[in-house]
N, C-alpha and C. Protein backbone atom coordinates (compact mmCIF):
# COMPACT_ATOMS: atom_id res chain seq x y z
N MET A 1 85.61 121.07 97.68
CA MET A 1 87.00 120.59 97.25
C MET A 1 86.76 119.53 96.16
N GLY A 2 87.55 119.65 94.99
CA GLY A 2 87.32 118.74 93.80
C GLY A 2 87.89 117.41 94.42
N GLU A 3 87.54 116.45 93.34
CA GLU A 3 87.93 115.12 93.58
C GLU A 3 89.45 114.98 93.04
N GLU A 4 90.22 114.38 93.88
CA GLU A 4 91.75 114.27 93.51
C GLU A 4 91.84 112.84 92.96
N TYR A 5 92.75 112.82 91.95
CA TYR A 5 93.08 111.58 91.24
C TYR A 5 94.55 111.35 91.50
N GLN A 6 95.08 110.09 91.72
CA GLN A 6 96.30 109.69 91.65
C GLN A 6 96.84 109.40 90.20
N MET A 7 97.84 110.17 89.77
CA MET A 7 98.23 110.01 88.47
C MET A 7 98.96 108.67 88.27
N LYS A 8 98.56 108.06 87.16
CA LYS A 8 99.18 106.69 86.85
C LYS A 8 100.24 106.59 85.81
N ILE A 9 100.52 105.46 85.58
CA ILE A 9 101.69 105.13 84.39
C ILE A 9 100.84 104.15 83.49
N LEU A 10 100.81 104.44 82.40
CA LEU A 10 100.09 103.50 81.35
C LEU A 10 101.39 102.81 80.72
N TYR A 11 101.56 101.59 80.83
CA TYR A 11 102.53 100.89 80.16
C TYR A 11 102.11 99.87 78.90
N VAL A 12 102.42 100.00 77.83
CA VAL A 12 101.85 99.25 76.72
C VAL A 12 102.92 98.34 76.06
N GLU A 13 102.76 97.18 76.26
CA GLU A 13 103.64 96.07 75.86
C GLU A 13 103.11 94.93 75.18
N ASP A 14 103.22 94.68 74.06
CA ASP A 14 102.48 93.65 73.50
C ASP A 14 102.98 92.17 73.75
N GLN A 15 104.31 92.20 73.94
CA GLN A 15 105.06 90.98 74.28
C GLN A 15 105.17 90.93 75.83
N ILE A 16 104.30 91.04 76.62
CA ILE A 16 104.17 91.12 77.94
C ILE A 16 104.79 89.87 78.62
N THR A 17 104.52 88.67 78.15
CA THR A 17 104.89 87.54 78.78
C THR A 17 106.37 87.11 78.44
N ARG A 18 106.92 87.88 77.39
CA ARG A 18 108.43 87.75 77.19
C ARG A 18 109.30 88.68 77.97
N ASN A 19 108.65 89.56 78.45
CA ASN A 19 109.27 90.68 79.22
C ASN A 19 108.95 90.84 80.52
N ILE A 20 108.98 90.04 81.32
CA ILE A 20 108.54 90.05 82.86
C ILE A 20 109.61 90.46 83.58
N SER A 21 110.95 90.10 83.40
CA SER A 21 112.14 90.62 84.10
C SER A 21 112.23 92.15 83.68
N ARG A 22 111.99 92.55 82.49
CA ARG A 22 112.03 93.99 82.20
C ARG A 22 111.07 94.80 82.99
N ILE A 23 109.79 94.20 83.06
CA ILE A 23 108.80 95.00 83.88
C ILE A 23 109.13 94.98 85.35
N ASN A 24 109.68 93.91 85.88
CA ASN A 24 110.01 93.82 87.23
C ASN A 24 110.96 94.98 87.44
N ARG A 25 112.04 95.06 86.57
CA ARG A 25 113.16 96.17 86.72
C ARG A 25 112.70 97.43 86.67
N LEU A 26 111.85 97.68 85.71
CA LEU A 26 111.20 99.15 85.29
C LEU A 26 110.55 99.65 86.40
N PHE A 27 109.75 98.71 87.03
CA PHE A 27 108.86 99.35 88.01
C PHE A 27 109.04 98.88 89.45
N GLU A 28 110.34 98.53 89.69
CA GLU A 28 110.51 97.68 91.05
C GLU A 28 110.39 98.78 92.08
N LYS A 29 110.56 100.03 91.88
CA LYS A 29 110.44 101.04 92.95
C LYS A 29 108.78 101.21 93.47
N TYR A 30 107.96 100.74 92.39
CA TYR A 30 106.61 100.78 92.64
C TYR A 30 105.72 99.52 93.02
N LEU A 31 106.37 98.53 93.07
CA LEU A 31 105.89 97.11 93.21
C LEU A 31 106.07 96.80 94.55
N THR A 32 105.26 96.05 95.20
CA THR A 32 105.43 95.57 96.45
C THR A 32 106.52 94.34 96.43
N LYS A 33 107.13 94.01 97.40
CA LYS A 33 107.95 92.75 97.45
C LYS A 33 107.29 91.56 97.07
N ASN A 34 105.91 91.38 97.43
CA ASN A 34 105.37 90.20 97.07
C ASN A 34 105.01 90.39 95.52
N ALA A 35 104.72 91.36 95.08
CA ALA A 35 104.49 91.50 93.59
C ALA A 35 105.78 91.02 92.76
N LYS A 36 106.88 91.60 93.24
CA LYS A 36 108.10 91.43 92.60
C LYS A 36 108.52 89.86 92.69
N LYS A 37 108.23 89.29 93.85
CA LYS A 37 108.49 87.95 94.08
C LYS A 37 107.63 87.10 93.02
N GLN A 38 106.30 87.36 92.91
CA GLN A 38 105.48 86.87 92.15
C GLN A 38 105.87 86.76 90.68
N LEU A 39 106.25 87.95 90.04
CA LEU A 39 106.96 88.26 88.85
C LEU A 39 108.17 87.23 88.49
N ARG A 40 109.10 87.34 89.60
CA ARG A 40 110.22 86.50 89.40
C ARG A 40 109.98 84.87 89.23
N GLU A 41 108.97 84.73 90.17
CA GLU A 41 108.54 83.26 90.04
C GLU A 41 107.94 82.83 88.44
N LEU A 42 107.03 83.75 88.07
CA LEU A 42 106.49 83.59 86.80
C LEU A 42 107.63 83.51 85.63
N ASP A 43 108.60 84.50 85.98
CA ASP A 43 109.60 84.53 84.86
C ASP A 43 110.42 83.11 84.66
N LYS A 44 110.51 82.44 85.83
CA LYS A 44 111.43 81.10 86.01
C LYS A 44 110.47 80.03 85.60
N ASP A 45 109.25 80.17 85.66
CA ASP A 45 108.41 79.09 85.34
C ASP A 45 108.62 78.48 83.83
N ASP A 46 108.58 77.03 83.88
CA ASP A 46 108.65 76.39 82.64
C ASP A 46 107.42 76.57 81.81
N TYR A 47 106.18 76.99 82.35
CA TYR A 47 105.01 77.22 81.48
C TYR A 47 104.75 78.85 81.60
N PRO A 48 104.86 79.35 80.51
CA PRO A 48 104.72 80.76 80.55
C PRO A 48 103.16 81.24 81.04
N PRO A 49 103.24 82.30 81.77
CA PRO A 49 101.82 82.58 82.30
C PRO A 49 101.13 83.47 81.15
N GLY A 50 100.01 83.61 81.26
CA GLY A 50 99.12 84.40 80.31
C GLY A 50 99.34 85.90 80.70
N PRO A 51 99.12 86.73 79.63
CA PRO A 51 99.32 88.28 80.03
C PRO A 51 98.44 88.73 81.07
N GLU A 52 97.20 88.14 81.16
CA GLU A 52 96.26 88.85 82.22
C GLU A 52 96.81 88.58 83.64
N GLU A 53 97.65 87.35 83.73
CA GLU A 53 98.15 86.98 85.12
C GLU A 53 99.26 87.99 85.44
N ILE A 54 100.06 88.47 84.47
CA ILE A 54 101.06 89.39 84.75
C ILE A 54 100.38 90.70 84.97
N LYS A 55 99.49 91.03 84.21
CA LYS A 55 98.90 92.43 84.33
C LYS A 55 98.21 92.54 85.73
N LYS A 56 97.53 91.47 86.23
CA LYS A 56 97.02 91.61 87.59
C LYS A 56 97.86 91.79 88.55
N ILE A 57 99.03 91.12 88.49
CA ILE A 57 100.19 91.34 89.57
C ILE A 57 100.70 92.80 89.54
N VAL A 58 100.90 93.30 88.40
CA VAL A 58 101.43 94.70 88.34
C VAL A 58 100.48 95.68 88.64
N GLU A 59 99.23 95.62 88.31
CA GLU A 59 98.12 96.47 88.58
C GLU A 59 97.80 96.48 90.11
N THR A 60 98.42 95.48 90.91
CA THR A 60 98.06 95.77 92.47
C THR A 60 98.72 96.85 92.92
N SER A 61 99.65 97.51 92.19
CA SER A 61 100.37 98.70 92.70
C SER A 61 99.31 99.85 92.84
N ASN A 62 98.42 99.93 92.03
CA ASN A 62 97.42 100.99 91.77
C ASN A 62 98.00 102.18 91.31
N LEU A 63 99.18 102.05 90.66
CA LEU A 63 99.87 103.12 90.11
C LEU A 63 100.13 102.90 88.58
N ILE A 64 100.42 101.62 88.38
CA ILE A 64 100.76 101.17 87.00
C ILE A 64 99.63 100.46 86.25
N GLU A 65 99.32 100.65 85.08
CA GLU A 65 98.30 99.95 84.32
C GLU A 65 99.05 99.58 83.10
N ILE A 66 98.66 98.22 82.87
CA ILE A 66 99.38 97.57 81.61
C ILE A 66 98.21 97.20 80.75
N GLU A 67 98.63 97.34 79.41
CA GLU A 67 97.74 96.93 78.26
C GLU A 67 98.69 96.16 77.33
N TYR A 68 98.29 95.10 76.84
CA TYR A 68 99.04 94.46 76.02
C TYR A 68 98.34 94.19 74.59
N ARG A 69 97.50 94.95 74.54
CA ARG A 69 96.64 95.03 73.06
C ARG A 69 96.52 96.51 72.72
N PHE A 70 96.94 96.82 71.44
CA PHE A 70 96.86 98.23 71.04
C PHE A 70 95.54 98.86 71.04
N PRO A 71 94.35 98.04 70.75
CA PRO A 71 93.07 98.92 70.70
C PRO A 71 92.67 99.30 72.17
N GLU A 72 92.94 98.38 73.26
CA GLU A 72 92.63 98.77 74.63
C GLU A 72 93.50 99.88 75.17
N ALA A 73 94.79 99.92 74.83
CA ALA A 73 95.59 100.96 74.93
C ALA A 73 95.19 102.38 74.40
N LEU A 74 94.83 102.25 73.23
CA LEU A 74 94.32 103.59 72.58
C LEU A 74 93.12 103.96 73.05
N GLN A 75 92.11 103.20 73.48
CA GLN A 75 90.80 103.45 74.10
C GLN A 75 91.22 104.18 75.35
N LYS A 76 92.21 103.60 76.17
CA LYS A 76 92.54 104.23 77.51
C LYS A 76 92.94 105.71 77.25
N VAL A 77 93.84 106.00 76.22
CA VAL A 77 94.38 107.14 75.88
C VAL A 77 93.44 108.09 75.49
N ILE A 78 92.48 107.83 74.83
CA ILE A 78 91.52 108.54 74.21
C ILE A 78 90.57 108.97 75.29
N ASP A 79 90.08 107.96 76.02
CA ASP A 79 89.12 108.21 76.97
C ASP A 79 89.57 108.83 78.34
N HIS A 80 90.72 108.43 78.65
CA HIS A 80 91.22 108.83 80.10
C HIS A 80 92.68 109.26 80.14
N HIS A 81 93.09 109.77 79.16
CA HIS A 81 94.48 110.51 79.21
C HIS A 81 94.86 111.26 80.33
N GLU A 82 93.95 111.93 80.91
CA GLU A 82 94.11 112.82 82.04
C GLU A 82 94.52 112.13 83.30
N LEU A 83 94.22 110.85 83.46
CA LEU A 83 94.54 110.05 84.53
C LEU A 83 96.09 109.59 84.59
N TYR A 84 96.86 109.81 83.49
CA TYR A 84 98.17 109.35 83.36
C TYR A 84 99.20 110.40 83.38
N ALA A 85 100.31 110.24 84.09
CA ALA A 85 101.39 111.20 84.20
C ALA A 85 102.29 110.79 83.25
N LEU A 86 102.32 109.38 83.01
CA LEU A 86 103.42 108.80 82.03
C LEU A 86 102.77 107.89 81.17
N PHE A 87 103.22 107.89 79.83
CA PHE A 87 102.88 106.74 78.98
C PHE A 87 104.13 106.24 78.38
N ILE A 88 104.40 104.78 78.64
CA ILE A 88 105.47 104.07 78.17
C ILE A 88 104.77 103.09 77.18
N VAL A 89 105.22 103.28 75.75
CA VAL A 89 104.67 102.38 74.72
C VAL A 89 105.69 101.72 74.13
N ASP A 90 105.44 100.37 73.99
CA ASP A 90 106.54 99.53 73.14
C ASP A 90 106.45 100.12 71.62
N ARG A 91 107.65 100.14 71.01
CA ARG A 91 107.46 101.00 69.80
C ARG A 91 107.19 99.97 68.51
N ASN A 92 107.10 98.63 68.83
CA ASN A 92 106.97 97.64 67.73
C ASN A 92 105.60 97.04 67.98
N LEU A 93 104.58 97.77 68.28
CA LEU A 93 103.34 97.16 68.56
C LEU A 93 102.60 96.31 67.60
N PHE A 94 102.91 96.58 66.24
CA PHE A 94 102.14 95.92 65.13
C PHE A 94 102.96 94.78 64.66
N GLU A 95 104.24 94.44 65.20
CA GLU A 95 105.06 93.53 64.59
C GLU A 95 104.50 92.06 64.73
N GLU A 96 104.38 91.57 65.81
CA GLU A 96 104.02 90.24 66.30
C GLU A 96 102.42 90.15 66.05
N GLU A 97 101.52 90.82 66.55
CA GLU A 97 100.12 90.63 66.52
C GLU A 97 99.66 91.50 65.59
N GLY A 98 99.18 91.09 64.37
CA GLY A 98 98.50 92.17 63.46
C GLY A 98 97.22 92.44 64.03
N TYR A 99 97.01 93.85 63.92
CA TYR A 99 95.69 94.17 64.58
C TYR A 99 94.81 94.52 63.55
N ASP A 100 93.54 94.34 63.76
CA ASP A 100 92.28 94.53 62.85
C ASP A 100 92.15 96.20 62.83
N TYR A 101 92.57 96.66 61.69
CA TYR A 101 92.54 98.15 61.56
C TYR A 101 91.11 98.73 61.70
N GLU A 102 90.23 97.94 61.29
CA GLU A 102 88.72 98.33 61.57
C GLU A 102 88.48 98.52 62.83
N GLU A 103 88.92 97.62 63.87
CA GLU A 103 88.71 97.88 65.21
C GLU A 103 89.39 99.06 65.80
N ILE A 104 90.60 99.42 65.26
CA ILE A 104 91.18 100.56 65.62
C ILE A 104 90.52 101.71 65.04
N LYS A 105 90.05 101.72 63.81
CA LYS A 105 89.46 102.81 63.14
C LYS A 105 87.98 103.10 63.93
N ALA A 106 87.44 102.14 64.37
CA ALA A 106 86.21 102.27 65.37
C ALA A 106 86.42 103.08 66.58
N ILE A 107 87.62 102.93 67.08
CA ILE A 107 87.86 103.59 68.32
C ILE A 107 88.42 105.14 68.04
N ASP A 108 89.24 105.31 66.90
CA ASP A 108 89.74 106.54 66.54
C ASP A 108 89.69 106.61 64.97
N PRO A 109 88.59 107.24 64.32
CA PRO A 109 88.47 107.35 62.83
C PRO A 109 89.74 108.00 62.19
N SER A 110 90.31 108.81 63.00
CA SER A 110 91.41 109.64 62.34
C SER A 110 92.77 108.71 62.24
N PHE A 111 92.74 107.58 62.77
CA PHE A 111 93.94 106.82 62.75
C PHE A 111 94.22 106.26 61.40
């Protein structure tokens, strides 16, 4: 019998620290009560959390993976697209944080 994979969701959002409540609402069905509580607390905190802190909480679901940088997201799609049942991609990824096109070109020369 072959190895079985749990299909995952890849969520790509470059403004992850500004969208904590949206992440909580979007994935509430898949997050534990503790994860939802932690996200609510981070959202209310006067000092914004780092993106890795949010990513770590959400990824405890073992169903949702978050990337907040386009190069890392592109690498996952190219190398592991078969692991994902759904891709959710923020449509303005290049607006705030300009990406080094050479870095992306190294991942996918056809980009």
